[in-house]
Amino acid sequence: MQTRPESDEVSTATANNSPLLAPDEVAKALRVHLSWVYAHQQEIPGFVRLGRYVRFRRVAIDEFLHAKTSCQ
């Protein structure tokens, strides 16, 4: 019998399988300049470095935007 994973395990699995966004896609989603994304890449949630490439997890960006817009 298989047990259901805990909610933390589900969110981690979902985040790990989340599509990766390129910096220009993140800039469009956040409505900022591409240079801002590169300057703040370590502060943006979901930051992943793949060799010389920078990517961001879509789920983390979506959650970040939701948190920022729900606070207002």
C-alpha atoms as a PDB file:
ATOM      1  CA  MET A   1       0.000   0.000   0.000  1.00  0.00           C
ATOM      2  CA  GLN A   2       1.379   3.350  -1.031  1.00  0.00           C
ATOM      3  CA  THR A   3       1.065   6.287   1.362  1.00  0.00           C
ATOM      4  CA  ARG A   4       0.415   9.838   0.321  1.00  0.00           C
ATOM      5  CA  PRO A   5       3.386  12.182   0.568  1.00  0.00           C
ATOM      6  CA  GLU A   6       3.369  14.964   3.095  1.00  0.00           C
ATOM      7  CA  SER A   7       2.428  18.428   1.767  1.00  0.00           C
ATOM      8  CA  ASP A   8       6.053  19.640   2.024  1.00  0.00           C
ATOM      9  CA  GLU A   9       7.156  16.709  -0.104  1.00  0.00           C
ATOM     10  CA  VAL A  10       4.520  17.515  -2.710  1.00  0.00           C
ATOM     11  CA  SER A  11       5.479  21.193  -2.925  1.00  0.00           C
ATOM     12  CA  THR A  12       9.172  20.290  -3.126  1.00  0.00           C
ATOM     13  CA  ALA A  13       8.502  17.766  -5.869  1.00  0.00           C
ATOM     14  CA  THR A  14       6.395  20.296  -7.748  1.00  0.00           C
ATOM     15  CA  ALA A  15       9.073  22.966  -7.383  1.00  0.00           C
ATOM     16  CA  ASN A  16      11.758  20.564  -8.567  1.00  0.00           C
ATOM     17  CA  ASN A  17       9.716  19.697 -11.681  1.00  0.00           C
ATOM     18  CA  SER A  18       8.760  23.302 -12.358  1.00  0.00           C
ATOM     19  CA  PRO A  19       9.671  24.657 -15.774  1.00  0.00           C
ATOM     20  CA  LEU A  20      12.641  26.976 -15.744  1.00  0.00           C
ATOM     21  CA  LEU A  21      12.358  30.551 -16.972  1.00  0.00           C
ATOM     22  CA  ALA A  22      15.095  32.501 -18.692  1.00  0.00           C
ATOM     23  CA  PRO A  23      16.006  35.919 -17.266  1.00  0.00           C
ATOM     24  CA  ASP A  24      14.148  37.743 -20.061  1.00  0.00           C
ATOM     25  CA  GLU A  25      10.959  35.830 -19.203  1.00  0.00           C
ATOM     26  CA  VAL A  26      11.353  36.737 -15.527  1.00  0.00           C
ATOM     27  CA  ALA A  27      11.882  40.382 -16.471  1.00  0.00           C
ATOM     28  CA  LYS A  28       8.606  40.344 -18.407  1.00  0.00           C
ATOM     29  CA  ALA A  29       6.747  38.629 -15.551  1.00  0.00           C
ATOM     30  CA  LEU A  30       8.083  41.106 -12.975  1.00  0.00           C
ATOM     31  CA  ARG A  31       7.826  44.064 -15.370  1.00  0.00           C
ATOM     32  CA  VAL A  32      11.417  45.142 -14.784  1.00  0.00           C
ATOM     33  CA  HIS A  33      14.456  45.613 -17.000  1.00  0.00           C
ATOM     34  CA  LEU A  34      16.552  42.582 -17.833  1.00  0.00           C
ATOM     35  CA  SER A  35      19.562  44.251 -16.203  1.00  0.00           C
ATOM     36  CA  TRP A  36      17.603  44.406 -12.916  1.00  0.00           C
ATOM     37  CA  VAL A  37      17.015  40.653 -13.021  1.00  0.00           C
ATOM     38  CA  TYR A  38      20.742  40.001 -13.472  1.00  0.00           C
ATOM     39  CA  ALA A  39      21.657  42.497 -10.736  1.00  0.00           C
ATOM     40  CA  HIS A  40      19.217  40.906  -8.256  1.00  0.00           C
ATOM     41  CA  GLN A  41      19.368  37.275  -9.374  1.00  0.00           C
ATOM     42  CA  GLN A  42      20.499  36.010  -5.951  1.00  0.00           C
ATOM     43  CA  GLU A  43      17.519  37.742  -4.287  1.00  0.00           C
ATOM     44  CA  ILE A  44      14.860  36.447  -6.679  1.00  0.00           C
ATOM     45  CA  PRO A  45      13.276  33.204  -5.474  1.00  0.00           C
ATOM     46  CA  GLY A  46      13.840  30.090  -7.534  1.00  0.00           C
ATOM     47  CA  PHE A  47      17.295  31.148  -8.748  1.00  0.00           C
ATOM     48  CA  VAL A  48      19.235  28.305 -10.402  1.00  0.00           C
ATOM     49  CA  ARG A  49      22.657  28.495 -12.033  1.00  0.00           C
ATOM     50  CA  LEU A  50      23.330  25.952 -14.776  1.00  0.00           C
ATOM     51  CA  GLY A  51      26.963  26.508 -15.626  1.00  0.00           C
ATOM     52  CA  ARG A  52      27.108  30.003 -17.061  1.00  0.00           C
ATOM     53  CA  TYR A  53      23.337  30.147 -17.543  1.00  0.00           C
ATOM     54  CA  VAL A  54      20.869  31.617 -15.068  1.00  0.00           C
ATOM     55  CA  ARG A  55      17.348  30.233 -14.779  1.00  0.00           C
ATOM     56  CA  PHE A  56      14.448  30.660 -12.366  1.00  0.00           C
ATOM     57  CA  ARG A  57      11.796  28.162 -11.281  1.00  0.00           C
ATOM     58  CA  ARG A  58       8.383  29.217 -12.559  1.00  0.00           C
ATOM     59  CA  VAL A  59       6.611  28.043  -9.388  1.00  0.00           C
ATOM     60  CA  ALA A  60       8.850  30.206  -7.190  1.00  0.00           C
ATOM     61  CA  ILE A  61       8.269  33.273  -9.370  1.00  0.00           C
ATOM     62  CA  ASP A  62       4.496  32.693  -9.359  1.00  0.00           C
ATOM     63  CA  GLU A  63       4.460  32.289  -5.557  1.00  0.00           C
ATOM     64  CA  PHE A  64       6.617  35.405  -5.169  1.00  0.00           C
ATOM     65  CA  LEU A  65       4.226  37.458  -7.310  1.00  0.00           C
ATOM     66  CA  HIS A  66       1.189  36.092  -5.499  1.00  0.00           C
ATOM     67  CA  ALA A  67       2.697  36.947  -2.102  1.00  0.00           C
ATOM     68  CA  LYS A  68       3.595  40.460  -3.209  1.00  0.00           C
ATOM     69  CA  THR A  69       0.180  41.191  -4.716  1.00  0.00           C
ATOM     70  CA  SER A  70      -1.840  39.681  -1.876  1.00  0.00           C
ATOM     71  CA  CYS A  71      -0.115  41.931   0.696  1.00  0.00           C
ATOM     72  CA  GLN A  72      -1.464  45.103  -0.885  1.00  0.00           C
END
